[in-house]
Amino acid sequence: MDSKNLIHNRANNRVHKGNKKRQRIYNNHINGLLLVDKEKTWTSFDAVAKVRNMLNVKKVGHTGTLDPMATGLLVLCVGKATKLAERLTGLDKEYVGEVTFGTTSTTDDAEGELSKMEDAEPVTLEQIRDTLKVFEGEIEQMPPQFSAKKVGGKRAYKLARKGEKVELEAKKIRINEIEILDYEWPKLTLRIDCGKGTYIRAIARDLGEKLGIGGYLTALERTKVGQFNLQHAKKVGEIMEQDVIPMAMGY
């Protein structure tokens, strides 16, 4: 082989080697449930991606999203446990939320454009208690305009961002219990135990409407998902392999 062909072959070999992608080796032995305390501003998918990289696993799924402004418990399914995700999504959940009266929001929470109701006057604790009774049990709830619900094949929040009026349908939800934890005008703190598909910010909106003073959600923390408790969750930066609950023990 002459020197010209030898140089050509070596160059081709270098190109072929450079085109080969290194195969990532995952920790396939990690399978189970992980309790994460989500931080504010993170999306649920942010938490999933960070856990996937930290544990070096291929599959991680969540069992119910939390809005970016919300904090608290995310139950993640790792590895083979992702097949449990759909079943776990249906578990009841508990939240602690803060409602601010006298103001409304386009998104029903602190992320939207706010409008102050100048004529709103303080209501009594007894008025709030009486009004909350209509939220107990199975009720029809109108999802927020800025929600992930689909309208004509498009996400409602995408249409709402364009300024379009979104025609949503009320959905049947279940509220097991609502407890007043604290009230000092204009702030109300509630503990809510509810079924799948409940929008806590819609409860804040509807409570304000029924009281005639407006209201929106200013803080939210998920404290329970089924039998899983926030007290046993860890921040993403603290997570280690041994924090993954084996499938047989988790569910």
Foldseek 3Di string as FASTA:
>chain_A
DDPVVVVVVVVVVVVVVVPDDDDQDAPQVQWFKAKAWADAQDWPVNLQVLLCVVRRADDKDWQDIDPNRATAIIIMTGHPRVVCNPVLNFFKWKKKFKKFWQKAFLQLEPVGDIDGNPPADDDDPVVLVVLCVVVAFKDWFWHHQLAQDDDPNHGSNVCVVVVHDDDTGTDIWHWHDKDWDDDDHRMTIIMTITGHPDDVSRVQQVSNVVVPTGMGIYYMYIADRHPDGRVLHYHSVPDDSVSGDDHVVRD
